[in-house]
C-alpha atoms as a PDB file:
ATOM      1  CA  UNK A   1     -16.275   8.044   2.653  1.00  0.00           C
ATOM      2  CA  UNK A   2     -13.445   5.855   1.556  1.00  0.00           C
ATOM      3  CA  UNK A   3     -10.413   6.846   2.499  1.00  0.00           C
ATOM      4  CA  UNK A   4      -9.005   7.531  -1.472  1.00  0.00           C
ATOM      5  CA  UNK A   5     -11.646   9.915  -1.484  1.00  0.00           C
ATOM      6  CA  UNK A   6     -10.442  12.394  -2.940  1.00  0.00           C
ATOM      7  CA  UNK A   7      -6.662  10.905  -3.902  1.00  0.00           C
ATOM      8  CA  UNK A   8      -6.654  12.441  -7.662  1.00  0.00           C
ATOM      9  CA  UNK A   9      -7.018  16.123  -6.570  1.00  0.00           C
ATOM     10  CA  UNK A  10      -4.562  15.423  -2.825  1.00  0.00           C
ATOM     11  CA  UNK A  11      -1.878  14.158  -6.133  1.00  0.00           C
ATOM     12  CA  UNK A  12      -2.399  17.815  -8.294  1.00  0.00           C
ATOM     13  CA  UNK A  13      -2.797  19.510  -5.168  1.00  0.00           C
ATOM     14  CA  UNK A  14       0.690  18.425  -4.197  1.00  0.00           C
ATOM     15  CA  UNK A  15       2.299  18.144  -7.804  1.00  0.00           C
ATOM     16  CA  UNK A  16       1.458  21.777  -7.744  1.00  0.00           C
ATOM     17  CA  UNK A  17       2.726  22.867  -4.224  1.00  0.00           C
ATOM     18  CA  UNK A  18       6.278  21.912  -5.143  1.00  0.00           C
ATOM     19  CA  UNK A  19       5.955  23.839  -8.505  1.00  0.00           C
ATOM     20  CA  UNK A  20       5.961  20.632 -10.591  1.00  0.00           C
ATOM     21  CA  UNK A  21       3.987  20.610 -14.596  1.00  0.00           C
ATOM     22  CA  UNK A  22       2.130  17.464 -14.808  1.00  0.00           C
ATOM     23  CA  UNK A  23       4.864  16.301 -17.754  1.00  0.00           C
ATOM     24  CA  UNK A  24       7.413  16.872 -15.301  1.00  0.00           C
ATOM     25  CA  UNK A  25       6.124  15.201 -12.508  1.00  0.00           C
ATOM     26  CA  UNK A  26       5.257  12.343 -14.982  1.00  0.00           C
ATOM     27  CA  UNK A  27       8.214  11.913 -16.812  1.00  0.00           C
ATOM     28  CA  UNK A  28      10.237  11.258 -13.008  1.00  0.00           C
ATOM     29  CA  UNK A  29       7.572   9.085 -12.421  1.00  0.00           C
ATOM     30  CA  UNK A  30       7.995   7.335 -16.142  1.00  0.00           C
ATOM     31  CA  UNK A  31       4.020   7.582 -17.005  1.00  0.00           C
ATOM     32  CA  UNK A  32       2.549   9.290 -19.236  1.00  0.00           C
ATOM     33  CA  UNK A  33       1.485  12.357 -19.037  1.00  0.00           C
ATOM     34  CA  UNK A  34      -1.946  11.513 -19.902  1.00  0.00           C
ATOM     35  CA  UNK A  35      -1.625   8.558 -17.789  1.00  0.00           C
ATOM     36  CA  UNK A  36      -1.337  11.424 -14.890  1.00  0.00           C
ATOM     37  CA  UNK A  37      -4.247  13.801 -15.914  1.00  0.00           C
ATOM     38  CA  UNK A  38      -6.191  10.485 -15.613  1.00  0.00           C
ATOM     39  CA  UNK A  39      -5.110  10.549 -11.657  1.00  0.00           C
ATOM     40  CA  UNK A  40      -5.380  14.011 -11.288  1.00  0.00           C
ATOM     41  CA  UNK A  41      -9.204  13.616 -12.664  1.00  0.00           C
ATOM     42  CA  UNK A  42     -10.155  11.000 -10.604  1.00  0.00           C
ATOM     43  CA  UNK A  43     -11.023   9.154 -13.932  1.00  0.00           C
ATOM     44  CA  UNK A  44      -8.438   6.530 -12.834  1.00  0.00           C
ATOM     45  CA  UNK A  45      -6.841   5.594  -9.847  1.00  0.00           C
ATOM     46  CA  UNK A  46      -3.400   4.436  -9.975  1.00  0.00           C
ATOM     47  CA  UNK A  47      -2.113   0.852  -8.863  1.00  0.00           C
ATOM     48  CA  UNK A  48       0.198   1.182  -5.696  1.00  0.00           C
ATOM     49  CA  UNK A  49       4.070   0.955  -7.813  1.00  0.00           C
ATOM     50  CA  UNK A  50       2.845   4.234  -9.764  1.00  0.00           C
ATOM     51  CA  UNK A  51       1.030   5.738  -7.652  1.00  0.00           C
ATOM     52  CA  UNK A  52       4.779   4.981  -5.791  1.00  0.00           C
ATOM     53  CA  UNK A  53       6.722   6.252  -8.753  1.00  0.00           C
ATOM     54  CA  UNK A  54       4.185   9.492  -8.030  1.00  0.00           C
ATOM     55  CA  UNK A  55       5.184   9.963  -4.574  1.00  0.00           C
ATOM     56  CA  UNK A  56       8.541   9.843  -4.716  1.00  0.00           C
ATOM     57  CA  UNK A  57       8.744  11.775  -8.424  1.00  0.00           C
ATOM     58  CA  UNK A  58       7.096  14.414  -5.860  1.00  0.00           C
ATOM     59  CA  UNK A  59       9.650  13.690  -3.539  1.00  0.00           C
ATOM     60  CA  UNK A  60       6.878  13.460  -0.435  1.00  0.00           C
ATOM     61  CA  UNK A  61       5.833   9.932   1.576  1.00  0.00           C
ATOM     62  CA  UNK A  62       2.484   8.847   2.803  1.00  0.00           C
ATOM     63  CA  UNK A  63       1.965  10.915   5.732  1.00  0.00           C
ATOM     64  CA  UNK A  64       2.425  14.239   2.426  1.00  0.00           C
ATOM     65  CA  UNK A  65      -0.756  11.828   1.266  1.00  0.00           C
ATOM     66  CA  UNK A  66      -2.624  11.855   4.869  1.00  0.00           C
ATOM     67  CA  UNK A  67      -2.524  15.855   4.424  1.00  0.00           C
ATOM     68  CA  UNK A  68      -3.059  16.640   1.276  1.00  0.00           C
ATOM     69  CA  UNK A  69      -6.374  13.991   0.885  1.00  0.00           C
ATOM     70  CA  UNK A  70      -7.715  16.117   4.150  1.00  0.00           C
ATOM     71  CA  UNK A  71      -6.940  19.257   2.624  1.00  0.00           C
ATOM     72  CA  UNK A  72      -8.996  18.853   0.026  1.00  0.00           C
ATOM     73  CA  UNK A  73     -11.421  16.860   1.223  1.00  0.00           C
ATOM     74  CA  UNK A  74     -11.834  19.712   3.589  1.00  0.00           C
ATOM     75  CA  UNK A  75     -11.620  17.406   7.184  1.00  0.00           C
ATOM     76  CA  UNK A  76      -9.687  17.635  10.413  1.00  0.00           C
ATOM     77  CA  UNK A  77      -6.415  15.690   9.863  1.00  0.00           C
ATOM     78  CA  UNK A  78      -6.515  12.393  11.372  1.00  0.00           C
ATOM     79  CA  UNK A  79      -2.327  12.624  12.029  1.00  0.00           C
ATOM     80  CA  UNK A  80      -0.756  15.967  13.337  1.00  0.00           C
ATOM     81  CA  UNK A  81       2.635  14.907  14.191  1.00  0.00           C
ATOM     82  CA  UNK A  82       4.785  11.983  13.035  1.00  0.00           C
ATOM     83  CA  UNK A  83       2.538   8.156  13.486  1.00  0.00           C
ATOM     84  CA  UNK A  84       4.889   5.867  15.278  1.00  0.00           C
ATOM     85  CA  UNK A  85       3.963   2.349  14.559  1.00  0.00           C
ATOM     86  CA  UNK A  86       3.917  -0.154  17.532  1.00  0.00           C
ATOM     87  CA  UNK A  87       6.614  -2.387  17.488  1.00  0.00           C
ATOM     88  CA  UNK A  88      10.359  -3.191  17.581  1.00  0.00           C
ATOM     89  CA  UNK A  89      12.316   0.466  17.661  1.00  0.00           C
ATOM     90  CA  UNK A  90      15.684   2.017  17.498  1.00  0.00           C
ATOM     91  CA  UNK A  91      18.948   0.592  15.205  1.00  0.00           C
ATOM     92  CA  UNK A  92      18.701  -3.136  13.417  1.00  0.00           C
ATOM     93  CA  UNK A  93      15.256  -3.885  14.989  1.00  0.00           C
ATOM     94  CA  UNK A  94      12.973  -5.838  12.294  1.00  0.00           C
ATOM     95  CA  UNK A  95       9.462  -4.926  12.684  1.00  0.00           C
ATOM     96  CA  UNK A  96       7.145  -6.763  11.432  1.00  0.00           C
ATOM     97  CA  UNK A  97       5.031  -5.531   7.998  1.00  0.00           C
ATOM     98  CA  UNK A  98       1.675  -3.570  10.269  1.00  0.00           C
ATOM     99  CA  UNK A  99      -1.235  -5.853  10.732  1.00  0.00           C
ATOM    100  CA  UNK A 100      -4.571  -4.675  10.216  1.00  0.00           C
ATOM    101  CA  UNK A 101      -5.401  -3.235  12.747  1.00  0.00           C
ATOM    102  CA  UNK A 102      -2.192  -1.041  13.044  1.00  0.00           C
ATOM    103  CA  UNK A 103      -3.312   0.661   9.428  1.00  0.00           C
ATOM    104  CA  UNK A 104      -6.554   1.534  11.504  1.00  0.00           C
ATOM    105  CA  UNK A 105      -4.998   2.674  14.284  1.00  0.00           C
ATOM    106  CA  UNK A 106      -2.323   5.043  12.179  1.00  0.00           C
ATOM    107  CA  UNK A 107      -5.118   6.319   9.846  1.00  0.00           C
ATOM    108  CA  UNK A 108      -6.838   7.176  12.780  1.00  0.00           C
ATOM    109  CA  UNK A 109     -10.294   5.194  11.771  1.00  0.00           C
ATOM    110  CA  UNK A 110     -12.682   2.451  12.854  1.00  0.00           C
ATOM    111  CA  UNK A 111     -13.411   1.131   9.568  1.00  0.00           C
ATOM    112  CA  UNK A 112     -12.066   0.910   5.964  1.00  0.00           C
ATOM    113  CA  UNK A 113     -13.016  -1.295   3.543  1.00  0.00           C
ATOM    114  CA  UNK A 114     -10.375  -4.722   2.807  1.00  0.00           C
ATOM    115  CA  UNK A 115      -8.731  -3.080   0.033  1.00  0.00           C
ATOM    116  CA  UNK A 116      -7.440  -0.046   0.999  1.00  0.00           C
ATOM    117  CA  UNK A 117      -6.975  -1.722   4.508  1.00  0.00           C
ATOM    118  CA  UNK A 118      -4.760  -4.559   2.442  1.00  0.00           C
ATOM    119  CA  UNK A 119      -3.115  -1.236  -0.197  1.00  0.00           C
ATOM    120  CA  UNK A 120      -1.807   1.113   2.942  1.00  0.00           C
ATOM    121  CA  UNK A 121      -0.607  -2.110   4.976  1.00  0.00           C
ATOM    122  CA  UNK A 122       1.549  -2.761   1.418  1.00  0.00           C
ATOM    123  CA  UNK A 123       2.560   0.882   0.999  1.00  0.00           C
ATOM    124  CA  UNK A 124       3.218   1.261   5.531  1.00  0.00           C
ATOM    125  CA  UNK A 125       5.174  -2.006   5.096  1.00  0.00           C
ATOM    126  CA  UNK A 126       7.024  -0.183   1.785  1.00  0.00           C
ATOM    127  CA  UNK A 127       7.499   2.727   3.652  1.00  0.00           C
ATOM    128  CA  UNK A 128       9.237   1.331   5.909  1.00  0.00           C
ATOM    129  CA  UNK A 129      11.688  -1.225   4.803  1.00  0.00           C
ATOM    130  CA  UNK A 130      12.471   1.914   3.438  1.00  0.00           C
ATOM    131  CA  UNK A 131      13.443   3.670   6.066  1.00  0.00           C
ATOM    132  CA  UNK A 132      15.469   0.302   7.968  1.00  0.00           C
ATOM    133  CA  UNK A 133      16.862   0.667   4.069  1.00  0.00           C
ATOM    134  CA  UNK A 134      18.256   4.638   4.750  1.00  0.00           C
ATOM    135  CA  UNK A 135      18.967   4.158   8.160  1.00  0.00           C
ATOM    136  CA  UNK A 136      21.358   1.535   7.409  1.00  0.00           C
ATOM    137  CA  UNK A 137      23.362   3.042   5.238  1.00  0.00           C
ATOM    138  CA  UNK A 138      21.835   1.581   2.531  1.00  0.00           C
ATOM    139  CA  UNK A 139      21.659   5.337   0.389  1.00  0.00           C
ATOM    140  CA  UNK A 140      24.298   6.766   0.963  1.00  0.00           C
ATOM    141  CA  UNK A 141      26.968   7.217  -2.259  1.00  0.00           C
END
């Protein structure tokens, strides 16, 4: 089963869990309600930038998406707790983008279509850059 199967259902489940309407989420994400509806019904898949905007509008991270995918696909959670990527830890540590093997390890899968693996690697890299930025105090004020 590809990792992104059920992404639309997962986005809808997360949105409803947050108590938001489609138009509210779409407006906050800077997309149209029709586009959000197409994503939620699986008629279209969001681009990585659109997915990031939707997740930001929902106030959730990739861990929440992984758990929502497990929920909507009725499978046992792969990530029971916070995942730690291999690599430098601590203040000021310059973490390298996760390798393809790291992405598979974080997701708890042995195989992943290359396109999905690359997308997850980009998302994880962006998420870690954001965390480092916020940790340095760049997100204050």
